Every structure is written in structure tokens, then in C-alpha cells.
Amino acid sequence: MEKFNYEEYTNSIHRLGRIGLSIGVILLLIAPFLFSLVLNAEINWPAFFSAIWPVLIVYVPSCIVEYLIYVPLLGPGASYLTFITGNITNLKLPCAANAREIAKTEVGSNENEIISTLSVATSSLVTMLVIFIGVLLLIPLTPILENPTLSPAFDNVLPALFGALGYQYFRKSLKITVLPLSFMVLICALVPSLMGQTSFMIIACGGLAIALSYILWKKNILK
């Protein structure tokens, strides 16, 4: 049997990933110009530049943090797919983590990167299928979705989802989890407006977790 060449595989992943991301960025940038052309509406550039700065201030740090956190966990193939299709925290990352546990691969290994790519690709296809079915059934299911009895359940879907996903990672190392989690809860309770500043809070909490991990490791409390 021909031996699998991982270097060639990685090069092809980077080539296809860069092409896919470039096409995605171009399409996103072209969309407003197409709308302007079709609707014969002129773009107000001064208003555009004045409005984009607050968005950049929030999303540029978020992009940097997500890149530093997710790429080492997912590997190149899964990262390209994830950054194109989205839903990293609530779908793609848990899917890759579950696949890693089933396949018993280690983070950073060649096997894990292949497993992550396959799992994220499968998740992306399933997500698109579910969205397609949801769009088709949106009107028939509207009376059920707007039912006052079910409204509290739908309002708590995201907290329940992220709580379950968070616990999956928290329980793996409670010694590291307790302090950063308590810090986040206390800060958000004292300053509720910070709950909307996820990117900055991740940096602070991540730095605290890394510092705590290093201290515990130096004291031989954590391996």
C-alpha cells in the first residue's frame, strides 16, 4: 500500500483553505456593492467609515483571540472549515472534541487534525441540511414556535446549550476552572454591561487561567 504523505495532505489543505476563505471574503465584500448596484442606492462612505470603527474595535481582538485558541485545538483543515461556516463554540469545537475522544487521538497530533477535519466537515453538512429543513418548515411551525407556553424554553436555549458545553470542559480540570469562572461571574454580576464584551473578557479570563495553570504546574500540583 502507498504510504500516506501527511506533508502533501497538509499543503493541499492550506491551498484549498486559502482559496475558500479568499472566495468567502470576496463574496462578503462584493455583496453591499451588488445591492447598491441593483437598488441604485449610493453608498454613504463617511457614514460607513464612522460606523465601522466600533465594530473593528470589538471584532479585531475577537478574531485574534479565536485564532490563537481554536487553531491549535482543531488543526488547519477543521479551522478553515470552521472559520467559513461559523458556529465554532456551540457546534464545531464540541463536535471535534467528541470525535477526538472517540478516536482517542491527542491534540496537536496528525491523527487528531484529520479526525477534526472529518468531524467538522460532517457537522457543517448536517448544519446546512438542518437549516434547509428549518427554512422549509418555518411557516408551518410558526404557531408552535410563538406559543406562549413554549416561549420560556426557547428563551433559555442558549444558556442551557453553553452551560452544558462549558461543563464538559470545566470538569476536566476543576483546579484551573474555579478561580477564572468565579472571577467572570463576579465581574459580570458587578458590571452587567461586560456580558456583551465577550472578546475582552475571554482575554482576561484566558490570561488568568494560563497564569494559574503555570503556578500549579510549577508547584507540581498540576501535571
Protein backbone atom coordinates (compact mmCIF):
# COMPACT_ATOMS: atom_id res chain seq x y z
CA MET A 1 0.00 0.00 0.00
CA GLU A 2 1.15 3.50 -0.79
CA LYS A 3 2.26 5.33 2.36
CA PHE A 4 0.15 8.35 3.30
CA ASN A 5 2.11 11.59 2.83
CA TYR A 6 0.96 13.93 5.59
CA GLU A 7 3.01 16.86 4.28
CA GLU A 8 1.29 16.72 0.89
CA TYR A 9 -2.06 16.42 2.64
CA THR A 10 -1.34 19.50 4.79
CA ASN A 11 -0.19 21.52 1.77
CA SER A 12 -3.39 20.66 -0.09
CA ILE A 13 -5.46 21.63 2.96
CA HIS A 14 -3.77 25.03 3.19
CA ARG A 15 -4.15 25.59 -0.56
CA LEU A 16 -7.86 24.75 -0.60
CA GLY A 17 -8.45 26.59 2.68
CA ARG A 18 -6.86 29.80 1.45
CA ILE A 19 -8.82 29.63 -1.79
CA GLY A 20 -12.08 29.00 0.09
CA LEU A 21 -11.50 31.79 2.61
CA SER A 22 -10.50 34.21 -0.16
CA ILE A 23 -13.67 33.44 -2.10
CA GLY A 24 -15.75 33.88 1.06
CA VAL A 25 -14.18 37.25 1.90
CA ILE A 26 -14.59 38.47 -1.69
CA LEU A 27 -18.26 37.47 -1.73
CA LEU A 28 -18.88 39.25 1.58
CA LEU A 29 -17.21 42.43 0.33
CA ILE A 30 -18.98 42.33 -3.03
CA ALA A 31 -22.48 41.89 -1.52
CA PRO A 32 -23.08 45.54 -0.49
CA PHE A 33 -21.84 46.82 -3.84
CA LEU A 34 -24.21 44.45 -5.65
CA PHE A 35 -27.11 45.66 -3.50
CA SER A 36 -26.13 49.23 -4.27
CA LEU A 37 -25.97 48.50 -7.98
CA VAL A 38 -29.25 46.57 -8.17
CA LEU A 39 -31.19 49.00 -5.97
CA ASN A 40 -29.50 52.05 -7.48
CA ALA A 41 -28.58 53.27 -3.99
CA GLU A 42 -25.46 55.32 -3.36
CA ILE A 43 -23.13 54.24 -0.53
CA ASN A 44 -22.56 56.90 2.12
CA TRP A 45 -18.82 56.44 2.65
CA PRO A 46 -18.37 58.96 5.51
CA ALA A 47 -21.16 57.23 7.44
CA PHE A 48 -19.61 53.85 6.63
CA PHE A 49 -16.18 54.74 7.99
CA SER A 50 -17.61 56.39 11.09
CA ALA A 51 -19.72 53.31 11.85
CA ILE A 52 -17.10 50.65 11.16
CA TRP A 53 -14.62 51.71 13.87
CA PRO A 54 -16.71 50.49 16.84
CA VAL A 55 -17.19 47.18 15.04
CA LEU A 56 -13.47 46.79 14.35
CA ILE A 57 -12.58 47.57 17.95
CA VAL A 58 -14.71 44.62 19.10
CA TYR A 59 -14.11 42.10 16.34
CA VAL A 60 -10.38 42.51 15.62
CA PRO A 61 -9.37 41.40 19.15
CA SER A 62 -12.02 38.68 18.94
CA CYS A 63 -10.57 37.36 15.68
CA ILE A 64 -7.05 37.31 17.10
CA VAL A 65 -8.17 35.51 20.28
CA GLU A 66 -10.24 32.96 18.36
CA TYR A 67 -7.34 32.23 16.04
CA LEU A 68 -4.93 31.67 18.93
CA ILE A 69 -7.40 29.48 20.83
CA TYR A 70 -9.14 27.40 18.16
CA VAL A 71 -6.44 26.65 15.58
CA PRO A 72 -4.19 24.62 17.94
CA LEU A 73 -7.24 22.62 19.04
CA LEU A 74 -8.70 21.99 15.59
CA GLY A 75 -5.76 21.88 13.22
CA PRO A 76 -5.60 23.52 9.76
CA GLY A 77 -8.34 21.64 7.89
CA ALA A 78 -11.01 21.96 10.57
CA SER A 79 -10.03 25.58 11.21
CA TYR A 80 -10.53 26.62 7.60
CA LEU A 81 -13.94 24.92 7.52
CA THR A 82 -14.92 26.37 10.88
CA PHE A 83 -14.00 29.96 10.06
CA ILE A 84 -16.01 29.73 6.82
CA THR A 85 -19.13 28.06 8.24
CA GLY A 86 -19.14 29.58 11.77
CA ASN A 87 -20.74 28.23 14.98
CA ILE A 88 -17.33 27.41 16.45
CA THR A 89 -18.06 27.28 20.17
CA ASN A 90 -21.54 25.79 20.10
CA LEU A 91 -21.11 23.24 17.29
CA LYS A 92 -17.75 22.73 15.62
CA LEU A 93 -15.44 22.66 18.65
CA PRO A 94 -17.60 20.24 20.73
CA CYS A 95 -18.01 18.03 17.66
CA ALA A 96 -14.23 17.90 17.13
CA ALA A 97 -13.62 17.29 20.85
CA ASN A 98 -16.15 14.43 20.89
CA ALA A 99 -14.59 12.88 17.78
CA ARG A 100 -11.14 13.16 19.39
CA GLU A 101 -12.34 11.33 22.50
CA ILE A 102 -13.96 8.57 20.42
CA ALA A 103 -10.88 8.12 18.23
CA LYS A 104 -8.55 8.53 21.26
CA THR A 105 -6.23 10.95 19.49
CA GLU A 106 -4.06 13.65 21.09
CA VAL A 107 -4.39 17.40 20.45
CA GLY A 108 -1.68 18.53 18.03
CA SER A 109 -1.12 15.09 16.50
CA ASN A 110 -1.51 14.37 12.79
CA GLU A 111 -4.29 11.89 13.51
CA ASN A 112 -6.22 14.44 15.53
CA GLU A 113 -6.07 17.03 12.74
CA ILE A 114 -7.53 14.54 10.26
CA ILE A 115 -10.23 13.44 12.72
CA SER A 116 -11.09 17.08 13.47
CA THR A 117 -11.38 17.88 9.76
CA LEU A 118 -13.72 14.96 9.13
CA SER A 119 -15.89 15.76 12.17
CA VAL A 120 -16.17 19.48 11.36
CA ALA A 121 -16.95 18.73 7.71
CA THR A 122 -19.72 16.35 8.77
CA SER A 123 -21.06 18.90 11.26
CA SER A 124 -21.11 21.59 8.54
CA LEU A 125 -23.07 19.39 6.15
CA VAL A 126 -25.56 18.39 8.85
CA THR A 127 -25.96 22.05 9.91
CA MET A 128 -26.74 23.16 6.36
CA LEU A 129 -29.25 20.32 5.99
CA VAL A 130 -30.98 21.24 9.25
CA ILE A 131 -31.10 24.93 8.27
CA PHE A 132 -32.57 23.99 4.87
CA ILE A 133 -35.27 21.88 6.53
CA GLY A 134 -35.88 24.62 9.10
CA VAL A 135 -36.43 27.23 6.39
CA LEU A 136 -38.92 24.97 4.63
CA LEU A 137 -40.84 24.31 7.86
CA LEU A 138 -40.59 27.83 9.29
CA ILE A 139 -44.07 28.97 8.27
CA PRO A 140 -45.88 25.72 9.22
CA LEU A 141 -44.14 25.68 12.62
CA THR A 142 -44.63 29.40 13.38
CA PRO A 143 -47.75 28.85 15.59
CA ILE A 144 -45.81 26.33 17.68
CA LEU A 145 -42.69 28.48 17.94
CA GLU A 146 -44.74 31.51 19.02
CA ASN A 147 -46.74 29.57 21.59
CA PRO A 148 -46.56 31.47 24.94
CA THR A 149 -46.23 28.18 26.82
CA LEU A 150 -43.05 27.25 24.95
CA SER A 151 -41.60 30.76 24.88
CA PRO A 152 -39.61 30.41 28.18
CA ALA A 153 -37.96 27.25 26.84
CA PHE A 154 -36.82 28.96 23.64
CA ASP A 155 -35.55 31.95 25.63
CA ASN A 156 -33.23 29.66 27.61
CA VAL A 157 -31.90 27.51 24.76
CA LEU A 158 -28.56 29.35 24.51
CA PRO A 159 -27.85 29.46 28.28
CA ALA A 160 -28.65 25.75 28.54
CA LEU A 161 -26.52 24.94 25.48
CA PHE A 162 -23.47 26.92 26.56
CA GLY A 163 -23.81 25.77 30.15
CA ALA A 164 -23.69 22.13 29.07
CA LEU A 165 -20.79 22.76 26.69
CA GLY A 166 -18.89 24.72 29.32
CA TYR A 167 -19.30 21.99 31.93
CA GLN A 168 -17.81 19.48 29.51
CA TYR A 169 -14.52 21.39 29.65
CA PHE A 170 -14.73 22.70 33.23
CA ARG A 171 -14.97 19.25 34.78
CA LYS A 172 -11.70 18.15 33.19
CA SER A 173 -9.67 20.39 35.50
CA LEU A 174 -11.63 21.92 38.35
CA LYS A 175 -8.44 23.27 39.93
CA ILE A 176 -7.99 25.62 36.96
CA THR A 177 -11.68 26.28 36.40
CA VAL A 178 -12.85 27.51 39.82
CA LEU A 179 -10.91 30.77 40.02
CA PRO A 180 -11.44 32.08 36.42
CA LEU A 181 -15.11 31.06 36.48
CA SER A 182 -15.70 32.73 39.85
CA PHE A 183 -13.90 35.84 38.59
CA MET A 184 -16.11 36.00 35.48
CA VAL A 185 -19.32 35.51 37.47
CA LEU A 186 -18.33 38.18 40.00
CA ILE A 187 -17.31 40.73 37.35
CA CYS A 188 -20.48 40.19 35.28
CA ALA A 189 -22.62 40.45 38.43
CA LEU A 190 -20.97 43.73 39.46
CA VAL A 191 -20.83 45.17 35.93
CA PRO A 192 -23.61 43.56 33.82
CA SER A 193 -22.64 45.56 30.72
CA LEU A 194 -19.44 43.46 30.46
CA MET A 195 -21.52 40.42 29.48
CA GLY A 196 -21.70 41.94 26.00
CA GLN A 197 -17.91 42.36 25.79
CA THR A 198 -17.11 38.68 25.25
CA SER A 199 -13.86 39.21 23.35
CA PHE A 200 -12.23 41.29 26.07
CA MET A 201 -13.50 39.04 28.83
CA ILE A 202 -12.05 35.97 27.11
CA ILE A 203 -8.63 37.63 27.03
CA ALA A 204 -8.77 38.43 30.76
CA CYS A 205 -10.15 35.03 31.76
CA GLY A 206 -7.76 33.17 29.45
CA GLY A 207 -4.77 35.05 30.86
CA LEU A 208 -5.89 34.24 34.39
CA ALA A 209 -6.32 30.55 33.52
CA ILE A 210 -2.88 30.36 31.88
CA ALA A 211 -1.21 32.07 34.87
CA LEU A 212 -2.98 29.76 37.30
CA SER A 213 -2.02 26.68 35.26
CA TYR A 214 1.63 27.76 35.26
CA ILE A 215 1.63 28.31 39.04
CA LEU A 216 0.02 24.92 39.71
CA TRP A 217 2.46 23.26 37.32
CA LYS A 218 5.48 24.86 38.99
CA LYS A 219 4.23 23.61 42.37
CA ASN A 220 3.73 20.09 40.95
CA ILE A 221 0.01 20.29 41.76
CA LEU A 222 -0.89 20.02 38.08
CA LYS A 223 0.79 17.71 35.59
